Structure formats: structure tokens, C-alpha cells
Amino acid sequence: MPITQDVQTAFRIVRNLLVSRGERGQVAKRSKELAHPRPGTLDVVLYFADSKVNLYQVRQWYAPLAELAKTTSVAILSRSPGTALALLDESPVPVLYLRTVIEIEDLLDHQDPKIVLYVNQNAKNFQMFRYGRMWHVFINHGESDKMYMTTNQFKAYDYSFVAGEAARDRLRRKLWDYDIENRTIMIGRPQADHFAGALPYTPDSRIVVLYSPTWEGDREAAAYGSVATHGVALVAALLATGQHRLIYRPHPRSGVIDPDFKRANEAIFASMRAANAADPTAQHVIDTGQELGWQLVAADVAIADISAMVYDRLATGKPLLVTRPVSAKAEIDLTGFLGDAEWLDAADSADIAAVLDRVQHSAEAQQHLEFWVDRHFGDTTQGEATRRFHAAVDHLTTEWQRQSVVHAADVKSMDRNRDASDDDDD
């Protein structure tokens, strides 16, 4: 068995090397499409060192970045050739491809970016942290009560843009000696200002249900995924009512680790296709697209796992049901919204229609939603989160300019002191 595993590992390494070499060649052919900003003109960079499988983490920032780019010079920096190719096809802002640290240093020799944004905790982020004359800002790829949201890695950044007071409370409970007041800036959820898109179905009297599960996770503490435990049963029940339209939006990593999740995901796809074939008016939607927004506002009620999708839906203020993880080792923070959430246990999945009806018409559930919307996002008036995002960028840009002046003065002072010391020695 070990020999077989070694051979499989070696095969994957060789295959990945060949794929990467081919992708680098494609990037070279498209080099004219890459950003080549004039020296000193680049203000904000979103740094992304991951492969394209995690590109969903950047995609949700496309619309806010495009809006920011109307007044500020913005680019996305990719370290992966495959990711760079995907970004060239879909990014609304210019794309930089810098595979090596030397290439990053060459860029910084000609540019003075004020702010570098990070959406995840990739280890290669530290290759960018080495440069001190810029603000390193964690913006994350969602708002949630996952353990990921309280990692001690927050301390590695100069600042973090967080959604609201709930995020600050979460960090206060988990992190030691972290200056919440000065190192976090609340911006709400700028993505919510862009929740829109054409519906892939014709609205009618059916109740529209969004089921958006997360993946299985790579550790027991983060085993929040419900596809294999809740999903098959609840989907079968909803498809059978004739009164519901299902929008199924699985996480792009569903089944990458656990074969049971992969099989469950494929079974849901098959059952939805069969339901549409049997009744074309049902118009159930298998949603694996890149665009996120219309699903959140179009659904009458949503079902989500513990993930950023809970909080994206929460920002709409509309009915929401959260799946309860089956694993007793899954970490659940009940001190925030989840303590007031409407939960779906795996055992109740087959009775989902009755559960959804109760959640939709519960005055108490709606009161809880309204309270936690304000706690997590503050003012959700259209455009307010975008204004706060831009204000945070402007604030750090002003601070960058101030720090640059102070630093230049300090350098001159040190030079004068050194020269005076040299004169004394003479």
C-alpha cells in the first residue's frame, strides 16, 4: 500500500508540474492582457496566491473592487498561472501575474501601493508581508461564525476590514491581546449592494427555496457540510411537493475530500434533472455559476450550513434556516446569531416543507433576524456598505501618506545624527 501511495503521489506531482508549465505558457501568450501600470500609479492590490479552485474567494469581491476602481487604481495580483488565466477572462479590474518573489520586488521598485488586501490565510501571504511600507489588510471572503473567523492569524495584518460589531465581539472572545478598536474597521457587507442578476426561471406561485451547503471541511472542528447528512433527504422532499422551486448552490469544493459528499452531491444533481424532465414548469435550478446575489434576494426562504452563506443571506433580512452539523466535534459559536438561529436537524430533513412553513411565518424568527442583521452589518441601506468600504480605503490612504512623511523625516534625522557622530569621531 505505501508503495502504491508513493507512486500516486509522484504521478500527481508530475501531472501538476506539466499542467503548471502549460498554463505559464498560456499566460506568456496573453502577457499583453496583463496589467502594466505606469510607475507610481498603483494604489490598491488584492493579493491572491491560491489556485483557481479557491477563486470563489476573490469573485465575491469583483463588484466592490470594480466600484472602488472608479476612483482608485486597483489590481488583483495572482501568483498562480491557472488563476491568472481565469482572472484575465473574468476580472473587472486589471490583473497582475507575479509568480516569484523577485518579480514582486521588481513591481515594488516601480510602484508604491498604499494598501494590499487579502481574502484568505494562504501561507504565501507571508511573502508579501515582508514589505513594510504599505498597509496589509485582511478583508476575508465572507462573514460567518466559523472557527476560521477567529484565527490568531488576524494579528499578522496591520488592519482587518470586518462586517460589524458581531465580528468584533467574536474576536474579543477568542484572541488575546488584540487591539480590536484600532486594528479592525467595520465596513458592513459591500457585496450586498450588488446582489442582483437575471433570474434563470419565470416566477410563479411556487415557494422559492435556496439550499446552499458548504463543503465537508478538512477537519472535524470544521465539519459543517450537510450535503451527505441532510441534503439528499431535504431535496427529495422539496422536489416531491410540487409547491417549491429549489435553487441548489453547492460549495465548489464539495466532495474533494469525502467520497460520500461527492456521491450525495451527484445524487442531488440527478434528482433535480429528473424532476425538471418530469415537470418542466418546476424550473428547479442547479446553480454552479460564479455570480452570487440574485439567489439570496430571490429565495423566499434559504437553507444554509454554518458558513459565509448564512451571513450573506442574513444581510437580506429574509427567512433563513441553518443546518445543524451531525458531528459533535464541529465547533459552533452560539454566542452570536447562531444562538438565535432556526436550526434544521438531519432527522427533520424529510419533513422540510413543514419546517420551512413555520420559519417563514414566525414573528419571533423575524425579530431575531432584524436584531442580528443590525449587529452583524450595521446600516444595510443600499450603498451604505460601499460608502464605508471606500471611506476605510481613503482613511488608510491618508494614513499611508502621513506615515510616509513621518518616515522620511525620521530618516533625515537619523542621517543628521550619524553625520554629527562621524564629525565627532574625526
Protein backbone atom coordinates (compact mmCIF):
# COMPACT_ATOMS: atom_id res chain seq x y z
CA MET A 1 0.00 0.00 0.00
CA PRO A 2 2.73 2.61 0.86
CA ILE A 3 4.45 1.95 -2.48
CA THR A 4 1.16 2.43 -4.33
CA GLN A 5 0.55 5.71 -2.47
CA ASP A 6 4.08 6.90 -3.30
CA VAL A 7 3.52 6.17 -6.98
CA GLN A 8 0.18 8.01 -6.95
CA THR A 9 1.78 10.98 -5.20
CA ALA A 10 4.62 11.09 -7.70
CA PHE A 11 2.15 10.90 -10.57
CA ARG A 12 0.15 13.84 -9.17
CA ILE A 13 3.31 15.91 -8.73
CA VAL A 14 4.45 15.28 -12.30
CA ARG A 15 0.96 15.94 -13.66
CA ASN A 16 0.66 19.20 -11.73
CA LEU A 17 4.08 20.32 -12.93
CA LEU A 18 3.11 19.67 -16.54
CA VAL A 19 -0.20 21.48 -16.12
CA SER A 20 1.54 24.45 -14.47
CA ARG A 21 4.13 24.62 -17.25
CA GLY A 22 1.39 24.63 -19.87
CA GLU A 23 -0.52 27.35 -18.03
CA ARG A 24 2.60 29.50 -17.75
CA GLY A 25 2.97 29.22 -21.49
CA GLN A 26 -0.61 30.38 -21.99
CA VAL A 27 -0.08 33.33 -19.66
CA ALA A 28 3.04 34.28 -21.62
CA LYS A 29 0.99 34.32 -24.83
CA ARG A 30 -1.55 36.62 -23.16
CA SER A 31 1.00 38.86 -21.47
CA LYS A 32 -0.32 41.96 -23.27
CA GLU A 33 -3.63 41.47 -21.45
CA LEU A 34 -1.94 41.64 -18.06
CA ALA A 35 -1.74 44.95 -16.21
CA HIS A 36 1.38 47.04 -16.80
CA PRO A 37 0.68 50.10 -14.64
CA ARG A 38 2.79 53.19 -15.07
CA PRO A 39 5.34 53.65 -12.25
CA GLY A 40 3.85 55.06 -9.09
CA THR A 41 0.21 54.72 -10.16
CA LEU A 42 -0.95 51.58 -8.35
CA ASP A 43 -2.80 52.31 -5.08
CA VAL A 44 -4.61 49.13 -4.02
CA VAL A 45 -3.67 45.50 -4.71
CA LEU A 46 -5.72 42.42 -3.87
CA TYR A 47 -3.11 39.71 -3.31
CA PHE A 48 -4.19 36.16 -4.14
CA ALA A 49 -1.63 33.34 -4.03
CA ASP A 50 -4.09 30.45 -4.25
CA SER A 51 -5.02 28.13 -7.11
CA LYS A 52 -8.15 28.65 -9.16
CA VAL A 53 -10.12 26.10 -7.10
CA ASN A 54 -10.39 28.79 -4.42
CA LEU A 55 -11.08 31.65 -6.80
CA TYR A 56 -14.59 31.91 -5.36
CA GLN A 57 -12.92 33.79 -2.50
CA VAL A 58 -11.97 36.60 -4.89
CA ARG A 59 -15.06 36.52 -7.08
CA GLN A 60 -17.28 37.85 -4.33
CA TRP A 61 -15.10 40.97 -4.26
CA TYR A 62 -15.33 41.65 -8.01
CA ALA A 63 -18.24 44.08 -7.80
CA PRO A 64 -16.90 46.05 -4.79
CA LEU A 65 -13.45 46.26 -6.42
CA ALA A 66 -14.95 47.40 -9.73
CA GLU A 67 -16.81 50.15 -7.87
CA LEU A 68 -13.65 51.17 -5.99
CA ALA A 69 -11.71 51.25 -9.28
CA LYS A 70 -13.86 54.16 -10.45
CA THR A 71 -11.90 56.43 -8.09
CA THR A 72 -8.82 54.41 -7.11
CA SER A 73 -6.17 52.47 -9.03
CA VAL A 74 -6.87 48.78 -8.24
CA ALA A 75 -5.40 45.48 -9.46
CA ILE A 76 -5.53 41.80 -8.50
CA LEU A 77 -2.13 40.14 -8.07
CA SER A 78 -2.08 36.40 -8.84
CA ARG A 79 0.79 34.02 -8.05
CA SER A 80 -0.71 31.05 -9.92
CA PRO A 81 -0.74 30.83 -13.73
CA GLY A 82 -4.05 28.94 -13.79
CA THR A 83 -5.64 31.54 -11.56
CA ALA A 84 -4.20 34.35 -13.66
CA LEU A 85 -5.76 32.88 -16.80
CA ALA A 86 -9.16 32.67 -15.11
CA LEU A 87 -8.83 36.22 -13.82
CA LEU A 88 -7.97 37.51 -17.29
CA ASP A 89 -11.24 36.04 -18.51
CA GLU A 90 -13.48 37.37 -15.75
CA SER A 91 -11.93 40.03 -13.52
CA PRO A 92 -13.45 43.52 -13.82
CA VAL A 93 -10.17 45.11 -12.69
CA PRO A 94 -6.60 44.75 -14.08
CA VAL A 95 -4.67 41.56 -13.35
CA LEU A 96 -1.02 41.17 -12.38
CA TYR A 97 0.76 37.81 -12.59
CA LEU A 98 3.90 37.59 -10.46
CA ARG A 99 4.97 34.02 -9.82
CA THR A 100 8.22 34.68 -7.96
CA VAL A 101 9.24 36.90 -5.05
CA ILE A 102 11.83 38.54 -7.32
CA GLU A 103 9.01 39.63 -9.64
CA ILE A 104 7.13 41.10 -6.68
CA GLU A 105 10.25 43.02 -5.66
CA ASP A 106 10.60 44.34 -9.19
CA LEU A 107 6.98 45.55 -9.11
CA LEU A 108 7.53 47.32 -5.79
CA ASP A 109 10.65 49.00 -7.15
CA HIS A 110 8.35 50.88 -9.52
CA GLN A 111 5.12 51.07 -7.50
CA ASP A 112 4.12 52.33 -4.06
CA PRO A 113 0.85 50.56 -3.31
CA LYS A 114 -0.80 52.02 -0.25
CA ILE A 115 -2.95 49.01 0.61
CA VAL A 116 -2.65 45.27 -0.02
CA LEU A 117 -5.86 43.29 0.53
CA TYR A 118 -6.02 39.60 1.45
CA VAL A 119 -9.06 37.30 1.22
CA ASN A 120 -7.58 34.19 2.85
CA GLN A 121 -4.75 32.86 5.02
CA ASN A 122 -2.56 31.28 2.34
CA ALA A 123 0.98 30.66 3.62
CA LYS A 124 2.35 32.66 0.67
CA ASN A 125 0.76 35.77 2.16
CA PHE A 126 3.88 35.95 4.30
CA GLN A 127 5.98 36.51 1.19
CA MET A 128 4.11 39.78 0.80
CA PHE A 129 4.10 40.67 4.50
CA ARG A 130 7.87 41.21 4.33
CA TYR A 131 7.32 44.60 2.71
CA GLY A 132 6.64 47.20 5.35
CA ARG A 133 5.81 50.46 3.60
CA MET A 134 2.20 49.59 2.83
CA TRP A 135 -0.87 48.58 4.82
CA HIS A 136 -1.61 44.85 4.85
CA VAL A 137 -5.37 44.45 5.27
CA PHE A 138 -7.38 41.26 5.77
CA ILE A 139 -10.82 41.53 4.14
CA ASN A 140 -11.68 37.81 4.26
CA HIS A 141 -14.01 36.03 1.86
CA GLY A 142 -17.14 36.13 3.95
CA GLU A 143 -18.73 36.84 7.31
CA SER A 144 -19.51 33.79 9.43
CA ASP A 145 -19.15 32.15 12.83
CA LYS A 146 -16.74 29.53 11.55
CA MET A 147 -13.58 28.97 13.60
CA TYR A 148 -11.74 30.46 10.58
CA MET A 149 -13.11 33.86 11.58
CA THR A 150 -11.21 33.97 14.87
CA THR A 151 -7.82 32.60 13.90
CA ASN A 152 -4.80 34.17 15.58
CA GLN A 153 -3.57 34.95 12.06
CA PHE A 154 -5.62 38.14 12.24
CA LYS A 155 -2.70 39.59 14.19
CA ALA A 156 -0.42 39.28 11.17
CA TYR A 157 -2.23 42.11 9.37
CA ASP A 158 -2.00 45.82 10.04
CA TYR A 159 -5.77 46.08 9.83
CA SER A 160 -8.83 43.94 9.19
CA PHE A 161 -11.99 45.14 7.49
CA VAL A 162 -14.84 43.39 9.32
CA ALA A 163 -18.58 43.48 8.78
CA GLY A 164 -19.80 44.81 12.12
CA GLU A 165 -19.95 44.60 15.90
CA ALA A 166 -20.63 40.86 15.87
CA ALA A 167 -17.26 40.27 14.19
CA ARG A 168 -15.53 42.43 16.78
CA ASP A 169 -17.25 40.57 19.61
CA ARG A 170 -16.16 37.26 18.09
CA LEU A 171 -12.53 38.38 18.00
CA ARG A 172 -12.68 39.74 21.56
CA ARG A 173 -13.83 36.37 22.86
CA LYS A 174 -11.17 34.36 21.06
CA LEU A 175 -7.97 36.41 20.74
CA TRP A 176 -5.57 37.51 23.44
CA ASP A 177 -4.07 40.98 23.42
CA TYR A 178 -5.53 42.05 20.09
CA ASP A 179 -6.31 45.74 19.69
CA ILE A 180 -9.84 45.41 18.33
CA GLU A 181 -10.67 49.11 18.39
CA ASN A 182 -7.65 50.25 16.40
CA ARG A 183 -6.95 47.30 14.13
CA THR A 184 -10.44 46.48 12.89
CA ILE A 185 -12.57 48.74 10.70
CA MET A 186 -16.27 47.98 10.27
CA ILE A 187 -17.48 48.25 6.68
CA GLY A 188 -20.62 46.12 6.57
CA ARG A 189 -21.01 43.84 3.55
CA PRO A 190 -20.25 45.79 0.33
CA GLN A 191 -21.23 42.75 -1.75
CA ALA A 192 -24.83 43.19 -0.59
CA ASP A 193 -25.00 46.45 -2.59
CA HIS A 194 -24.57 44.32 -5.71
CA PHE A 195 -26.95 41.45 -5.00
CA ALA A 196 -28.69 41.30 -8.36
CA GLY A 197 -28.85 39.31 -11.57
CA ALA A 198 -31.28 37.85 -14.07
CA LEU A 199 -33.46 35.01 -12.80
CA PRO A 200 -32.96 31.70 -14.66
CA TYR A 201 -36.64 30.87 -14.22
CA THR A 202 -40.02 32.51 -14.67
CA PRO A 203 -41.50 33.50 -11.28
CA ASP A 204 -44.88 31.97 -10.40
CA SER A 205 -46.73 30.87 -7.27
CA ARG A 206 -44.09 28.35 -6.19
CA ILE A 207 -42.15 28.98 -2.97
CA VAL A 208 -38.51 29.53 -3.94
CA VAL A 209 -36.02 27.76 -1.66
CA LEU A 210 -32.27 28.34 -1.79
CA TYR A 211 -30.21 25.42 -0.46
CA SER A 212 -26.56 26.42 -0.30
CA PRO A 213 -24.44 23.93 1.65
CA THR A 214 -20.75 24.28 2.37
CA TRP A 215 -18.13 21.58 1.71
CA GLU A 216 -17.24 18.81 4.15
CA GLY A 217 -14.27 20.63 5.66
CA ASP A 218 -10.73 19.39 6.21
CA ARG A 219 -11.00 18.76 9.98
CA GLU A 220 -13.65 17.60 12.42
CA ALA A 221 -13.92 21.01 14.11
CA ALA A 222 -14.95 22.49 10.74
CA ALA A 223 -17.25 19.65 9.61
CA TYR A 224 -20.20 21.91 8.81
CA GLY A 225 -21.22 20.43 5.45
CA SER A 226 -24.74 18.97 5.17
CA VAL A 227 -24.85 17.54 1.64
CA ALA A 228 -24.45 13.93 2.78
CA THR A 229 -26.32 14.22 6.10
CA HIS A 230 -29.27 16.49 5.30
CA GLY A 231 -29.12 17.29 1.60
CA VAL A 232 -30.37 14.20 -0.21
CA ALA A 233 -33.41 13.84 2.04
CA LEU A 234 -34.43 17.50 2.09
CA VAL A 235 -34.02 17.87 -1.67
CA ALA A 236 -36.12 14.76 -2.32
CA ALA A 237 -38.83 16.10 -0.04
CA LEU A 238 -38.92 19.54 -1.68
CA LEU A 239 -38.95 18.12 -5.20
CA ALA A 240 -41.95 15.97 -4.26
CA THR A 241 -44.25 18.77 -3.04
CA GLY A 242 -44.97 20.41 -6.39
CA GLN A 243 -45.17 23.68 -4.46
CA HIS A 244 -41.49 24.54 -4.18
CA ARG A 245 -38.80 25.65 -6.61
CA LEU A 246 -35.33 24.64 -5.46
CA ILE A 247 -32.15 26.58 -6.17
CA TYR A 248 -29.28 24.26 -5.27
CA ARG A 249 -25.93 26.01 -4.96
CA PRO A 250 -23.27 23.59 -3.64
CA HIS A 251 -19.86 24.74 -2.50
CA PRO A 252 -17.30 24.38 -5.33
CA ARG A 253 -15.18 22.11 -3.13
CA SER A 254 -18.00 19.70 -2.26
CA GLY A 255 -16.69 16.14 -2.29
CA VAL A 256 -12.98 16.93 -2.74
CA ILE A 257 -12.14 15.02 0.45
CA ASP A 258 -15.12 12.84 1.37
CA PRO A 259 -16.45 10.46 -1.34
CA ASP A 260 -19.82 10.34 0.46
CA PHE A 261 -20.24 14.07 -0.14
CA LYS A 262 -19.32 13.68 -3.78
CA ARG A 263 -21.87 10.91 -4.25
CA ALA A 264 -24.57 12.87 -2.40
CA ASN A 265 -23.89 15.96 -4.50
CA GLU A 266 -24.15 13.95 -7.71
CA ALA A 267 -27.35 12.29 -6.46
CA ILE A 268 -28.93 15.70 -5.86
CA PHE A 269 -27.96 16.83 -9.35
CA ALA A 270 -29.54 13.70 -10.83
CA SER A 271 -32.77 14.01 -8.84
CA MET A 272 -33.20 17.67 -9.82
CA ARG A 273 -32.64 16.93 -13.50
CA ALA A 274 -35.18 14.11 -13.29
CA ALA A 275 -37.71 16.41 -11.57
CA ASN A 276 -37.33 19.05 -14.29
CA ALA A 277 -37.69 16.43 -17.00
CA ALA A 278 -40.88 15.12 -15.41
CA ASP A 279 -42.33 18.62 -14.92
CA PRO A 280 -40.67 21.38 -16.99
CA THR A 281 -42.75 24.04 -15.19
CA ALA A 282 -40.91 23.25 -11.95
CA GLN A 283 -37.76 25.02 -13.21
CA HIS A 284 -35.54 23.82 -10.37
CA VAL A 285 -32.10 25.42 -10.65
CA ILE A 286 -28.71 23.72 -10.30
CA ASP A 287 -26.56 26.76 -9.64
CA THR A 288 -22.81 26.28 -10.11
CA GLY A 289 -22.23 29.71 -11.63
CA GLN A 290 -19.83 32.37 -10.50
CA GLU A 291 -22.43 35.06 -9.89
CA LEU A 292 -23.75 35.37 -6.35
CA GLY A 293 -26.54 37.75 -5.46
CA TRP A 294 -29.80 37.05 -7.23
CA GLN A 295 -30.16 33.75 -5.36
CA LEU A 296 -30.03 35.47 -1.98
CA VAL A 297 -32.73 38.03 -2.73
CA ALA A 298 -34.96 35.84 -4.94
CA ALA A 299 -35.45 33.00 -2.45
CA ASP A 300 -38.48 33.14 -0.20
CA VAL A 301 -36.53 31.11 2.35
CA ALA A 302 -32.94 29.87 2.45
CA ILE A 303 -31.23 26.83 3.93
CA ALA A 304 -27.51 27.13 4.60
CA ASP A 305 -24.75 25.43 6.55
CA ILE A 306 -22.58 27.29 9.04
CA SER A 307 -20.65 29.37 6.51
CA ALA A 308 -20.48 32.79 4.95
CA MET A 309 -23.71 31.99 3.08
CA VAL A 310 -25.63 32.27 6.36
CA TYR A 311 -24.45 35.83 6.75
CA ASP A 312 -24.83 36.80 3.09
CA ARG A 313 -28.45 35.72 3.41
CA LEU A 314 -28.74 37.40 6.81
CA ALA A 315 -27.87 40.71 5.14
CA THR A 316 -31.13 40.50 3.17
CA GLY A 317 -33.22 40.19 6.34
CA LYS A 318 -35.27 37.33 4.83
CA PRO A 319 -36.19 33.92 6.39
CA LEU A 320 -33.26 31.60 6.99
CA LEU A 321 -32.75 28.05 8.25
CA VAL A 322 -29.34 26.73 9.37
CA THR A 323 -28.40 23.03 9.22
CA ARG A 324 -27.10 21.62 12.48
CA PRO A 325 -23.81 19.68 11.98
CA VAL A 326 -24.04 15.98 12.77
CA SER A 327 -20.51 15.79 14.15
CA ALA A 328 -20.35 16.55 17.87
CA LYS A 329 -16.82 17.86 17.30
CA ALA A 330 -17.90 20.63 14.94
CA GLU A 331 -17.28 23.96 16.64
CA ILE A 332 -20.44 26.08 16.88
CA ASP A 333 -20.35 29.58 18.34
CA LEU A 334 -23.77 30.05 19.92
CA THR A 335 -22.93 33.42 21.45
CA GLY A 336 -23.84 35.23 18.21
CA PHE A 337 -26.58 34.83 15.61
CA LEU A 338 -26.38 31.03 15.73
CA GLY A 339 -27.69 31.17 19.30
CA ASP A 340 -30.95 32.59 17.90
CA ALA A 341 -30.95 30.79 14.56
CA GLU A 342 -33.67 28.46 13.29
CA TRP A 343 -31.96 25.06 13.07
CA LEU A 344 -32.58 22.04 10.87
CA ASP A 345 -31.54 18.70 12.34
CA ALA A 346 -30.67 15.87 9.98
CA ALA A 347 -33.57 13.82 11.38
CA ASP A 348 -36.04 16.53 10.30
CA SER A 349 -34.76 16.86 6.74
CA ALA A 350 -37.52 14.73 5.24
CA ASP A 351 -40.11 16.99 6.88
CA ILE A 352 -38.52 20.10 5.41
CA ALA A 353 -41.73 21.53 3.90
CA ALA A 354 -43.38 21.85 7.31
CA VAL A 355 -40.20 23.27 8.87
CA LEU A 356 -39.90 25.91 6.13
CA ASP A 357 -43.55 26.90 6.53
CA ARG A 358 -43.03 27.50 10.25
CA VAL A 359 -39.84 29.53 9.71
CA GLN A 360 -41.43 31.68 7.01
CA HIS A 361 -44.34 32.71 9.19
CA SER A 362 -42.67 33.01 12.60
CA ALA A 363 -42.84 36.56 14.01
CA GLU A 364 -40.23 35.64 16.64
CA ALA A 365 -37.80 34.40 13.99
CA GLN A 366 -38.21 37.65 12.05
CA GLN A 367 -37.49 39.71 15.18
CA HIS A 368 -34.31 37.74 15.77
CA LEU A 369 -33.29 38.30 12.15
CA GLU A 370 -33.76 42.06 12.38
CA PHE A 371 -31.67 42.26 15.56
CA TRP A 372 -28.79 40.23 14.13
CA VAL A 373 -28.81 41.98 10.76
CA ASP A 374 -28.04 45.21 12.61
CA ARG A 375 -25.48 43.51 14.88
CA HIS A 376 -23.58 41.92 12.01
CA PHE A 377 -23.79 44.60 9.33
CA GLY A 378 -24.98 47.86 10.81
CA ASP A 379 -26.87 50.09 8.39
CA THR A 380 -27.87 47.94 5.39
CA THR A 381 -29.36 50.81 3.40
CA GLN A 382 -28.44 50.37 -0.27
CA GLY A 383 -24.99 51.86 -0.90
CA GLU A 384 -24.05 52.39 2.76
CA ALA A 385 -21.61 49.46 2.96
CA THR A 386 -19.92 50.63 -0.25
CA ARG A 387 -19.54 54.10 1.25
CA ARG A 388 -17.95 52.62 4.38
CA PHE A 389 -15.60 50.44 2.33
CA HIS A 390 -14.43 53.44 0.32
CA ALA A 391 -14.10 55.52 3.49
CA ALA A 392 -11.89 52.83 5.05
CA VAL A 393 -9.66 52.77 1.95
CA ASP A 394 -9.48 56.59 1.94
CA HIS A 395 -8.60 56.64 5.64
CA LEU A 396 -5.72 54.18 5.22
CA THR A 397 -4.52 56.03 2.13
CA THR A 398 -4.35 59.25 4.15
CA GLU A 399 -2.55 57.39 6.95
CA TRP A 400 -0.10 55.98 4.41
CA GLN A 401 0.72 59.48 3.22
CA ARG A 402 1.16 60.70 6.80
CA GLN A 403 3.39 57.77 7.69
CA SER A 404 5.49 58.37 4.58
CA VAL A 405 6.15 61.96 5.64
CA VAL A 406 6.98 60.89 9.21
CA HIS A 407 9.28 58.13 7.97
CA ALA A 408 11.12 60.48 5.61
CA ALA A 409 11.64 62.97 8.45
CA ASP A 410 12.91 60.20 10.74
CA VAL A 411 15.38 59.02 8.10
CA LYS A 412 16.72 62.55 7.64
CA SER A 413 17.07 62.93 11.41
CA MET A 414 18.96 59.66 11.69
CA ASP A 415 21.25 60.72 8.82
CA ARG A 416 21.99 64.06 10.51
CA ASN A 417 22.74 62.32 13.82
CA ARG A 418 25.02 59.86 12.07
CA ASP A 419 26.89 62.64 10.26
CA ALA A 420 27.31 64.54 13.51
CA SER A 421 28.64 61.41 15.18
CA ASP A 422 31.11 60.92 12.33
CA ASP A 423 32.30 64.53 12.74
CA ASP A 424 32.86 63.98 16.47
CA ASP A 425 34.90 60.87 15.73
CA ASP A 426 37.08 62.89 13.37
